Amino acid sequence: MTIPETIIAIAAFLAGTIIAYLWYRTKVCVIEGRAENDLERWKQEHTQEIRKDSVNRSRSTLKGRISEQMAPLLPEFPFAPADARFIGNPIDFVVFDGYTDAKDGEGTAISVVIVEVKKGKGRLTREESLIRKAVEEGRVSWKTVVLSDDPGDGPEYPESDAGERA
C-alpha cells in the first residue's frame, strides 16, 4: 500500500468514525428528549397523587402523636392518668403506678413502669427495643444528684445512693 492510499484509508476511517459518532449522538439526544418528555408527563399525571399520599402520611403521623399523648385518657390505658408522665422520646411515658394513691395517703407502694404507646400494628424501633431489654434485664438504677450552691464545687453523690439498683 502506498502512502497516498494509506492516507486515504486513514481519512476514510476517521470520516466513518465521525459520521458514526454524530449518528449515535443524534440518536442519544432523541432518546434523552423522549425520556425527559415521559418524565414531565409522569410528573404531571402523578403530582396530585403524590401530594395526597404525602398529606395522608403526615396526618397519620400527627394522629399517632396525638394518640400517644392522649393515651392516658383512653379506656384501654391500664394506669391512672394522674400517674403517667409523658416523655415522648425515646419512650412515651413513665408511669408511677400507685403514686396518686400514695400521695393521698391511701397507698404504700409505687411501681415504675416504662410505657410505649403504639397505634394499629406499630412495632418498636430498635432503640425502644433496647430500652425494653434494659428494663427486662434489670439494668435500671436510681441516682440522686445534689447540686452545690458554690459554682466551683462539683455535684455531690450521697453515699446511700451509690450503686443502688432497682
Protein backbone atom coordinates (compact mmCIF):
# COMPACT_ATOMS: atom_id res chain seq x y z
CA MET A 1 0.00 0.00 0.00
CA THR A 2 1.40 3.36 -0.95
CA ILE A 3 1.46 6.45 1.19
CA PRO A 4 -1.43 8.18 -0.64
CA GLU A 5 -3.57 5.03 -0.29
CA THR A 6 -2.73 4.83 3.43
CA ILE A 7 -3.69 8.49 3.88
CA ILE A 8 -6.96 7.90 2.01
CA ALA A 9 -7.68 4.82 4.17
CA ILE A 10 -6.99 6.72 7.40
CA ALA A 11 -9.10 9.67 6.20
CA ALA A 12 -11.95 7.29 5.27
CA PHE A 13 -11.68 5.59 8.66
CA LEU A 14 -11.73 8.95 10.51
CA ALA A 15 -14.65 10.19 8.39
CA GLY A 16 -16.57 6.97 9.10
CA THR A 17 -15.83 7.27 12.84
CA ILE A 18 -17.01 10.90 12.90
CA ILE A 19 -20.18 10.06 10.96
CA ALA A 20 -20.92 7.11 13.28
CA TYR A 21 -20.32 9.30 16.35
CA LEU A 22 -22.64 12.02 15.04
CA TRP A 23 -25.33 9.46 14.13
CA TYR A 24 -25.21 7.82 17.60
CA ARG A 25 -25.09 11.22 19.28
CA THR A 26 -28.26 12.23 17.43
CA LYS A 27 -29.97 9.00 18.49
CA VAL A 28 -28.92 9.58 22.13
CA CYS A 29 -30.31 13.13 22.01
CA VAL A 30 -33.63 11.84 20.63
CA ILE A 31 -33.83 9.17 23.36
CA GLU A 32 -32.95 11.73 26.08
CA GLY A 33 -35.64 14.08 24.74
CA ARG A 34 -38.25 11.31 24.83
CA ALA A 35 -37.18 10.36 28.37
CA GLU A 36 -37.48 13.97 29.55
CA ASN A 37 -40.92 14.27 27.95
CA ASP A 38 -42.02 10.99 29.56
CA LEU A 39 -40.75 12.17 32.94
CA GLU A 40 -42.60 15.50 32.64
CA ARG A 41 -45.79 13.73 31.60
CA TRP A 42 -45.42 11.29 34.53
CA LYS A 43 -44.87 14.20 36.94
CA GLN A 44 -47.99 15.96 35.69
CA GLU A 45 -50.08 12.78 35.95
CA HIS A 46 -48.86 11.77 39.42
CA THR A 47 -48.15 15.05 41.25
CA GLN A 48 -51.64 15.23 42.72
CA GLU A 49 -51.46 11.59 43.82
CA ILE A 50 -48.03 12.10 45.42
CA ARG A 51 -49.22 15.19 47.27
CA LYS A 52 -52.31 13.37 48.52
CA ASP A 53 -50.14 10.48 49.75
CA SER A 54 -47.81 12.92 51.50
CA VAL A 55 -50.71 14.65 53.26
CA ASN A 56 -52.16 11.28 54.32
CA ARG A 57 -48.82 10.16 55.76
CA SER A 58 -48.46 13.47 57.58
CA ARG A 59 -51.97 13.10 59.01
CA SER A 60 -51.22 9.55 60.08
CA THR A 61 -48.05 10.64 61.88
CA LEU A 62 -49.89 13.51 63.54
CA LYS A 63 -52.73 11.20 64.63
CA GLY A 64 -50.19 8.80 66.09
CA ARG A 65 -48.51 11.55 68.10
CA ILE A 66 -51.85 12.85 69.37
CA SER A 67 -52.89 9.30 70.30
CA GLU A 68 -49.66 8.82 72.23
CA GLN A 69 -50.23 11.97 74.28
CA MET A 70 -53.92 11.26 74.81
CA ALA A 71 -53.40 7.57 75.71
CA PRO A 72 -53.83 8.04 79.49
CA LEU A 73 -57.32 9.41 78.87
CA LEU A 74 -58.40 6.41 76.77
CA PRO A 75 -60.21 3.44 78.32
CA GLU A 76 -57.58 0.90 77.18
CA PHE A 77 -54.81 2.66 79.18
CA PRO A 78 -54.33 0.40 82.23
CA PHE A 79 -52.97 3.03 84.64
CA ALA A 80 -54.36 6.09 86.42
CA PRO A 81 -53.88 9.08 84.10
CA ALA A 82 -52.51 11.17 87.01
CA ASP A 83 -49.70 8.63 87.49
CA ALA A 84 -48.45 8.94 83.89
CA ARG A 85 -45.74 11.39 82.81
CA PHE A 86 -45.37 11.95 79.08
CA ILE A 87 -41.78 11.97 77.82
CA GLY A 88 -42.32 11.42 74.09
CA ASN A 89 -38.85 10.29 73.08
CA PRO A 90 -37.33 7.70 73.24
CA ILE A 91 -40.30 6.25 75.12
CA ASP A 92 -43.76 7.71 75.57
CA PHE A 93 -44.48 7.53 79.30
CA VAL A 94 -43.03 6.80 82.67
CA VAL A 95 -45.90 5.69 84.87
CA PHE A 96 -45.54 5.90 88.62
CA ASP A 97 -48.25 3.31 89.27
CA GLY A 98 -49.79 3.95 92.69
CA TYR A 99 -48.29 7.44 93.05
CA THR A 100 -51.66 9.19 93.31
CA ASP A 101 -52.86 6.75 95.98
CA ALA A 102 -49.60 7.15 97.94
CA LYS A 103 -49.85 10.92 97.69
CA ASP A 104 -53.42 10.77 99.02
CA GLY A 105 -52.20 8.61 101.91
CA GLU A 106 -54.04 5.51 100.70
CA GLY A 107 -51.23 3.55 99.02
CA THR A 108 -47.97 2.20 100.35
CA ALA A 109 -46.21 1.04 97.20
CA ILE A 110 -45.32 2.61 93.89
CA SER A 111 -44.21 0.77 90.77
CA VAL A 112 -42.30 2.50 87.99
CA VAL A 113 -43.46 1.36 84.55
CA ILE A 114 -41.98 2.38 81.21
CA VAL A 115 -44.80 2.61 78.64
CA GLU A 116 -44.56 2.83 74.85
CA VAL A 117 -47.85 3.50 73.07
CA LYS A 118 -48.40 2.08 69.58
CA LYS A 119 -51.41 2.56 67.34
CA GLY A 120 -52.50 -0.20 64.98
CA LYS A 121 -49.74 -2.60 64.02
CA GLY A 122 -46.91 -0.31 65.14
CA ARG A 123 -43.67 -2.05 66.07
CA LEU A 124 -40.94 -0.97 68.47
CA THR A 125 -37.98 0.85 66.97
CA ARG A 126 -34.50 -0.55 67.54
CA GLU A 127 -33.89 1.99 70.32
CA GLU A 128 -37.21 1.23 72.01
CA SER A 129 -36.38 -2.49 71.90
CA LEU A 130 -33.01 -1.82 73.55
CA ILE A 131 -34.72 0.16 76.32
CA ARG A 132 -37.25 -2.65 76.85
CA LYS A 133 -34.38 -5.15 77.08
CA ALA A 134 -32.54 -2.98 79.63
CA VAL A 135 -35.66 -2.83 81.82
CA GLU A 136 -36.35 -6.55 81.47
CA GLU A 137 -32.74 -7.39 82.42
CA GLY A 138 -32.89 -5.11 85.45
CA ARG A 139 -30.31 -2.64 84.15
CA VAL A 140 -32.20 0.21 85.83
CA SER A 141 -30.79 2.23 88.70
CA TRP A 142 -31.52 5.20 90.92
CA LYS A 143 -29.16 8.14 91.26
CA THR A 144 -29.64 11.27 93.38
CA VAL A 145 -27.55 14.22 92.22
CA VAL A 146 -27.18 17.06 94.71
CA LEU A 147 -26.03 20.31 93.13
CA SER A 148 -23.76 22.56 95.15
CA ASP A 149 -24.55 26.22 95.86
CA ASP A 150 -20.87 27.04 95.14
CA PRO A 151 -20.22 27.01 91.37
CA GLY A 152 -16.61 25.84 91.98
CA ASP A 153 -17.74 22.60 93.62
CA GLY A 154 -18.86 19.67 91.51
CA PRO A 155 -22.08 17.73 92.09
CA GLU A 156 -22.27 15.58 95.19
CA TYR A 157 -23.44 11.98 95.21
CA PRO A 158 -24.83 10.82 98.54
CA GLU A 159 -23.19 7.58 99.70
CA SER A 160 -26.55 5.87 100.27
CA ASP A 161 -27.40 6.07 96.55
CA ALA A 162 -24.08 4.81 95.20
CA GLY A 163 -24.56 1.67 93.16
CA GLU A 164 -28.17 1.00 94.18
CA ARG A 165 -30.14 -1.00 91.63
CA ALA A 166 -33.84 -1.48 91.32
